[in-house]
Amino acid sequence: MKPSQKPLIILLVKRVVLFLTFINLLLVFLYAIGNDQVFLDSTQNIILRWASTMGVLLFIGALYGFVLDIYGAIRLKSVRFLWGCLAYLSLSVLGAILATSTTAILVLVSGRSP
């Protein structure tokens, strides 16, 4: 099946999830660099809040892509979609880990419970 024959929603979700993955990795990298370069606390809190939000969006988007690929595998009877299911499932776990860990860091840094 050519990529142009895939449904448009599957292509859009794939690209959005890849974009969110790169944004999450960039935000984690910026936070790590900020610890070494002594960024202001307010700047690091902003980076952590954005990373938490993007982690939740990655989790939701990857789960949606997982459901779409399961539907595509059943509807189009193609085994190729099952590899996408595995990728989306691993990205949803990554998003959940990033969202949970950045929120935990925010709670620990602020010194108060949520």
N, C-alpha and C. Protein backbone atom coordinates (compact mmCIF):
# COMPACT_ATOMS: atom_id res chain seq x y z
N MET A 1 0.85 -1.17 0.00
CA MET A 1 0.00 0.00 0.00
C MET A 1 0.89 1.23 0.00
N LYS A 2 0.66 2.14 -0.93
CA LYS A 2 1.43 3.37 -1.00
C LYS A 2 1.01 4.29 0.14
N PRO A 3 1.92 5.16 0.59
CA PRO A 3 1.55 6.08 1.67
C PRO A 3 0.38 6.99 1.31
N SER A 4 0.22 7.30 0.02
CA SER A 4 -0.89 8.16 -0.38
C SER A 4 -2.23 7.44 -0.29
N GLN A 5 -2.21 6.10 -0.23
CA GLN A 5 -3.45 5.35 -0.14
C GLN A 5 -3.90 5.16 1.31
N LYS A 6 -3.05 5.55 2.26
CA LYS A 6 -3.46 5.48 3.66
C LYS A 6 -4.49 6.57 3.91
N PRO A 7 -5.39 6.33 4.84
CA PRO A 7 -6.34 7.39 5.19
C PRO A 7 -5.61 8.61 5.74
N LEU A 8 -6.15 9.78 5.45
CA LEU A 8 -5.51 11.04 5.82
C LEU A 8 -5.35 11.17 7.33
N ILE A 9 -6.33 10.71 8.09
CA ILE A 9 -6.27 10.85 9.54
C ILE A 9 -5.10 10.06 10.12
N ILE A 10 -4.77 8.92 9.54
CA ILE A 10 -3.64 8.12 10.03
C ILE A 10 -2.33 8.87 9.78
N LEU A 11 -2.21 9.49 8.61
CA LEU A 11 -1.00 10.26 8.31
C LEU A 11 -0.87 11.47 9.22
N LEU A 12 -1.97 12.17 9.47
CA LEU A 12 -1.94 13.35 10.33
C LEU A 12 -1.58 12.98 11.77
N VAL A 13 -2.18 11.92 12.27
CA VAL A 13 -1.90 11.52 13.65
C VAL A 13 -0.44 11.10 13.79
N LYS A 14 0.09 10.39 12.80
CA LYS A 14 1.48 9.96 12.84
C LYS A 14 2.42 11.16 12.91
N ARG A 15 2.16 12.16 12.11
CA ARG A 15 3.03 13.33 12.08
C ARG A 15 2.90 14.17 13.34
N VAL A 16 1.70 14.27 13.88
CA VAL A 16 1.51 15.02 15.13
C VAL A 16 2.21 14.31 16.28
N VAL A 17 2.11 13.00 16.33
CA VAL A 17 2.77 12.25 17.41
C VAL A 17 4.29 12.36 17.29
N LEU A 18 4.82 12.31 16.08
CA LEU A 18 6.27 12.49 15.91
C LEU A 18 6.69 13.90 16.33
N PHE A 19 5.90 14.90 15.98
CA PHE A 19 6.19 16.28 16.38
C PHE A 19 6.19 16.41 17.90
N LEU A 20 5.18 15.84 18.55
CA LEU A 20 5.11 15.92 20.01
C LEU A 20 6.26 15.16 20.66
N THR A 21 6.69 14.07 20.07
CA THR A 21 7.83 13.32 20.60
C THR A 21 9.09 14.18 20.55
N PHE A 22 9.34 14.83 19.42
CA PHE A 22 10.53 15.68 19.31
C PHE A 22 10.44 16.87 20.25
N ILE A 23 9.27 17.46 20.40
CA ILE A 23 9.11 18.59 21.33
C ILE A 23 9.39 18.15 22.75
N ASN A 24 8.87 16.97 23.14
CA ASN A 24 9.14 16.45 24.48
C ASN A 24 10.62 16.22 24.72
N LEU A 25 11.28 15.61 23.76
CA LEU A 25 12.71 15.35 23.92
C LEU A 25 13.49 16.66 23.97
N LEU A 26 13.08 17.65 23.20
CA LEU A 26 13.73 18.96 23.23
C LEU A 26 13.54 19.64 24.59
N LEU A 27 12.33 19.56 25.14
CA LEU A 27 12.08 20.18 26.44
C LEU A 27 12.87 19.50 27.56
N VAL A 28 12.98 18.19 27.51
CA VAL A 28 13.79 17.48 28.51
C VAL A 28 15.26 17.87 28.36
N PHE A 29 15.72 18.00 27.12
CA PHE A 29 17.09 18.43 26.87
C PHE A 29 17.32 19.85 27.40
N LEU A 30 16.36 20.74 27.16
CA LEU A 30 16.49 22.11 27.66
C LEU A 30 16.52 22.15 29.18
N TYR A 31 15.72 21.31 29.81
CA TYR A 31 15.73 21.26 31.28
C TYR A 31 17.08 20.76 31.79
N ALA A 32 17.63 19.74 31.15
CA ALA A 32 18.93 19.21 31.57
C ALA A 32 20.03 20.25 31.36
N ILE A 33 19.99 20.94 30.24
CA ILE A 33 20.96 22.01 29.98
C ILE A 33 20.77 23.14 30.98
N GLY A 34 19.52 23.44 31.31
CA GLY A 34 19.23 24.50 32.27
C GLY A 34 19.76 24.21 33.65
N ASN A 35 19.78 22.96 34.05
CA ASN A 35 20.37 22.60 35.34
C ASN A 35 21.87 22.85 35.33
N ASP A 36 22.51 22.56 34.22
CA ASP A 36 23.95 22.74 34.12
C ASP A 36 24.32 24.22 33.94
N GLN A 37 23.52 24.96 33.20
CA GLN A 37 23.81 26.36 32.90
C GLN A 37 23.21 27.33 33.92
N VAL A 38 22.59 26.81 34.95
CA VAL A 38 21.99 27.58 36.04
C VAL A 38 20.94 28.57 35.50
N PHE A 39 19.92 28.00 34.84
CA PHE A 39 18.78 28.82 34.43
C PHE A 39 18.05 29.30 35.67
N LEU A 40 17.25 30.34 35.52
CA LEU A 40 16.42 30.81 36.62
C LEU A 40 15.39 29.74 36.98
N ASP A 41 14.98 29.76 38.25
CA ASP A 41 13.98 28.79 38.69
C ASP A 41 12.67 28.95 37.94
N SER A 42 12.29 30.19 37.66
CA SER A 42 11.04 30.42 36.94
C SER A 42 11.11 29.86 35.52
N THR A 43 12.26 29.97 34.89
CA THR A 43 12.43 29.43 33.54
C THR A 43 12.36 27.91 33.55
N GLN A 44 12.99 27.29 34.53
CA GLN A 44 12.93 25.84 34.62
C GLN A 44 11.53 25.35 34.95
N ASN A 45 10.79 26.10 35.76
CA ASN A 45 9.40 25.73 36.03
C ASN A 45 8.54 25.81 34.78
N ILE A 46 8.78 26.81 33.96
CA ILE A 46 8.04 26.94 32.70
C ILE A 46 8.36 25.76 31.78
N ILE A 47 9.64 25.41 31.70
CA ILE A 47 10.04 24.27 30.86
C ILE A 47 9.39 22.99 31.36
N LEU A 48 9.37 22.80 32.68
CA LEU A 48 8.74 21.59 33.24
C LEU A 48 7.24 21.56 33.01
N ARG A 49 6.58 22.70 33.13
CA ARG A 49 5.13 22.74 32.87
C ARG A 49 4.83 22.40 31.42
N TRP A 50 5.62 22.96 30.49
CA TRP A 50 5.42 22.65 29.07
C TRP A 50 5.71 21.17 28.79
N ALA A 51 6.74 20.64 29.43
CA ALA A 51 7.06 19.23 29.21
C ALA A 51 5.95 18.33 29.75
N SER A 52 5.37 18.71 30.88
CA SER A 52 4.27 17.93 31.43
C SER A 52 3.05 17.97 30.51
N THR A 53 2.73 19.15 30.02
CA THR A 53 1.59 19.30 29.10
C THR A 53 1.82 18.53 27.81
N MET A 54 3.01 18.65 27.24
CA MET A 54 3.31 17.95 26.00
C MET A 54 3.37 16.44 26.21
N GLY A 55 3.77 16.00 27.39
CA GLY A 55 3.77 14.57 27.70
C GLY A 55 2.35 14.01 27.72
N VAL A 56 1.43 14.77 28.30
CA VAL A 56 0.02 14.33 28.32
C VAL A 56 -0.54 14.31 26.89
N LEU A 57 -0.22 15.34 26.10
CA LEU A 57 -0.69 15.36 24.71
C LEU A 57 -0.09 14.21 23.90
N LEU A 58 1.18 13.90 24.15
CA LEU A 58 1.79 12.76 23.46
C LEU A 58 1.11 11.46 23.86
N PHE A 59 0.81 11.31 25.13
CA PHE A 59 0.13 10.10 25.60
C PHE A 59 -1.23 9.94 24.92
N ILE A 60 -2.01 11.01 24.88
CA ILE A 60 -3.34 10.95 24.26
C ILE A 60 -3.24 10.71 22.75
N GLY A 61 -2.33 11.43 22.10
CA GLY A 61 -2.17 11.27 20.65
C GLY A 61 -1.69 9.89 20.26
N ALA A 62 -0.77 9.34 21.05
CA ALA A 62 -0.25 8.01 20.74
C ALA A 62 -1.31 6.94 20.97
N LEU A 63 -2.13 7.11 22.00
CA LEU A 63 -3.22 6.16 22.20
C LEU A 63 -4.24 6.24 21.06
N TYR A 64 -4.50 7.44 20.59
CA TYR A 64 -5.41 7.61 19.46
C TYR A 64 -4.83 6.95 18.20
N GLY A 65 -3.53 7.13 17.98
CA GLY A 65 -2.88 6.48 16.85
C GLY A 65 -2.89 4.97 16.98
N PHE A 66 -2.75 4.46 18.21
CA PHE A 66 -2.82 3.03 18.46
C PHE A 66 -4.19 2.49 18.06
N VAL A 67 -5.24 3.19 18.47
CA VAL A 67 -6.60 2.76 18.13
C VAL A 67 -6.82 2.82 16.61
N LEU A 68 -6.32 3.87 15.96
CA LEU A 68 -6.46 3.97 14.51
C LEU A 68 -5.72 2.86 13.78
N ASP A 69 -4.54 2.50 14.27
CA ASP A 69 -3.79 1.42 13.61
C ASP A 69 -4.45 0.06 13.84
N ILE A 70 -5.02 -0.16 15.01
CA ILE A 70 -5.77 -1.40 15.24
C ILE A 70 -6.96 -1.46 14.28
N TYR A 71 -7.67 -0.35 14.15
CA TYR A 71 -8.80 -0.29 13.23
C TYR A 71 -8.33 -0.52 11.79
N GLY A 72 -7.18 0.08 11.41
CA GLY A 72 -6.65 -0.11 10.06
C GLY A 72 -6.22 -1.54 9.81
N ALA A 73 -5.66 -2.17 10.82
CA ALA A 73 -5.24 -3.56 10.66
C ALA A 73 -6.44 -4.48 10.48
N ILE A 74 -7.52 -4.20 11.19
CA ILE A 74 -8.72 -5.03 11.07
C ILE A 74 -9.47 -4.71 9.78
N ARG A 75 -9.65 -3.43 9.51
CA ARG A 75 -10.46 -3.02 8.35
C ARG A 75 -9.76 -3.33 7.03
N LEU A 76 -8.47 -2.99 6.93
CA LEU A 76 -7.76 -3.18 5.67
C LEU A 76 -7.04 -4.53 5.60
N LYS A 77 -7.12 -5.30 6.68
CA LYS A 77 -6.50 -6.62 6.74
C LYS A 77 -5.02 -6.56 6.37
N SER A 78 -4.31 -5.65 7.01
CA SER A 78 -2.90 -5.47 6.75
C SER A 78 -2.11 -5.65 8.04
N VAL A 79 -1.12 -6.50 7.99
CA VAL A 79 -0.28 -6.77 9.16
C VAL A 79 0.67 -5.60 9.41
N ARG A 80 0.91 -4.81 8.39
CA ARG A 80 1.84 -3.69 8.50
C ARG A 80 1.41 -2.68 9.56
N PHE A 81 0.13 -2.56 9.79
CA PHE A 81 -0.36 -1.63 10.79
C PHE A 81 0.00 -2.07 12.21
N LEU A 82 0.27 -3.35 12.39
CA LEU A 82 0.58 -3.84 13.73
C LEU A 82 1.94 -3.32 14.23
N TRP A 83 2.88 -3.08 13.33
CA TRP A 83 4.15 -2.47 13.73
C TRP A 83 3.91 -1.05 14.22
N GLY A 84 3.00 -0.35 13.56
CA GLY A 84 2.64 0.99 14.01
C GLY A 84 2.00 0.97 15.39
N CYS A 85 1.22 -0.08 15.64
CA CYS A 85 0.60 -0.23 16.97
C CYS A 85 1.66 -0.34 18.05
N LEU A 86 2.70 -1.11 17.77
CA LEU A 86 3.78 -1.27 18.73
C LEU A 86 4.51 0.06 18.97
N ALA A 87 4.74 0.81 17.90
CA ALA A 87 5.41 2.11 18.03
C ALA A 87 4.54 3.09 18.81
N TYR A 88 3.25 3.14 18.50
CA TYR A 88 2.36 4.04 19.22
C TYR A 88 2.24 3.66 20.69
N LEU A 89 2.24 2.38 20.98
CA LEU A 89 2.15 1.94 22.36
C LEU A 89 3.40 2.35 23.14
N SER A 90 4.57 2.20 22.53
CA SER A 90 5.79 2.62 23.21
C SER A 90 5.86 4.14 23.37
N LEU A 91 5.36 4.89 22.40
CA LEU A 91 5.34 6.34 22.53
C LEU A 91 4.34 6.81 23.57
N SER A 92 3.24 6.09 23.73
CA SER A 92 2.29 6.46 24.78
C SER A 92 2.89 6.20 26.16
N VAL A 93 3.66 5.13 26.30
CA VAL A 93 4.36 4.87 27.57
C VAL A 93 5.39 5.97 27.83
N LEU A 94 6.12 6.38 26.78
CA LEU A 94 7.08 7.47 26.93
C LEU A 94 6.39 8.76 27.36
N GLY A 95 5.26 9.08 26.74
CA GLY A 95 4.51 10.27 27.12
C GLY A 95 4.03 10.23 28.56
N ALA A 96 3.55 9.06 28.99
CA ALA A 96 3.09 8.92 30.37
C ALA A 96 4.24 9.06 31.35
N ILE A 97 5.39 8.48 31.02
CA ILE A 97 6.56 8.60 31.91
C ILE A 97 7.03 10.04 31.99
N LEU A 98 7.09 10.72 30.84
CA LEU A 98 7.53 12.11 30.85
C LEU A 98 6.55 13.01 31.61
N ALA A 99 5.27 12.82 31.40
CA ALA A 99 4.28 13.64 32.10
C ALA A 99 4.33 13.40 33.60
N THR A 100 4.46 12.15 34.00
CA THR A 100 4.50 11.82 35.43
C THR A 100 5.78 12.33 36.08
N SER A 101 6.90 12.13 35.42
CA SER A 101 8.17 12.53 36.03
C SER A 101 8.31 14.05 36.11
N THR A 102 7.89 14.78 35.07
CA THR A 102 8.00 16.23 35.12
C THR A 102 7.03 16.82 36.15
N THR A 103 5.86 16.24 36.29
CA THR A 103 4.93 16.71 37.31
C THR A 103 5.48 16.41 38.70
N ALA A 104 6.10 15.25 38.86
CA ALA A 104 6.70 14.92 40.16
C ALA A 104 7.84 15.88 40.49
N ILE A 105 8.65 16.24 39.52
CA ILE A 105 9.73 17.21 39.75
C ILE A 105 9.15 18.56 40.14
N LEU A 106 8.07 18.98 39.45
CA LEU A 106 7.43 20.25 39.81
C LEU A 106 6.91 20.24 41.23
N VAL A 107 6.31 19.14 41.64
CA VAL A 107 5.78 19.04 43.01
C VAL A 107 6.92 19.05 44.01
N LEU A 108 7.99 18.33 43.73
CA LEU A 108 9.12 18.29 44.66
C LEU A 108 9.81 19.63 44.78
N VAL A 109 9.93 20.35 43.66
CA VAL A 109 10.60 21.64 43.67
C VAL A 109 9.76 22.69 44.39
N SER A 110 8.45 22.64 44.19
CA SER A 110 7.60 23.66 44.81
C SER A 110 7.45 23.47 46.31
N GLY A 111 7.64 22.23 46.79
CA GLY A 111 7.57 21.98 48.21
C GLY A 111 6.15 21.86 48.75
N ARG A 112 5.20 21.71 47.87
CA ARG A 112 3.80 21.54 48.29
C ARG A 112 3.18 20.41 47.51
N SER A 113 2.11 19.86 48.06
CA SER A 113 1.43 18.78 47.35
C SER A 113 0.44 19.36 46.34
N PRO A 114 0.11 18.60 45.29
CA PRO A 114 -0.74 19.15 44.22
C PRO A 114 -2.13 19.46 44.63
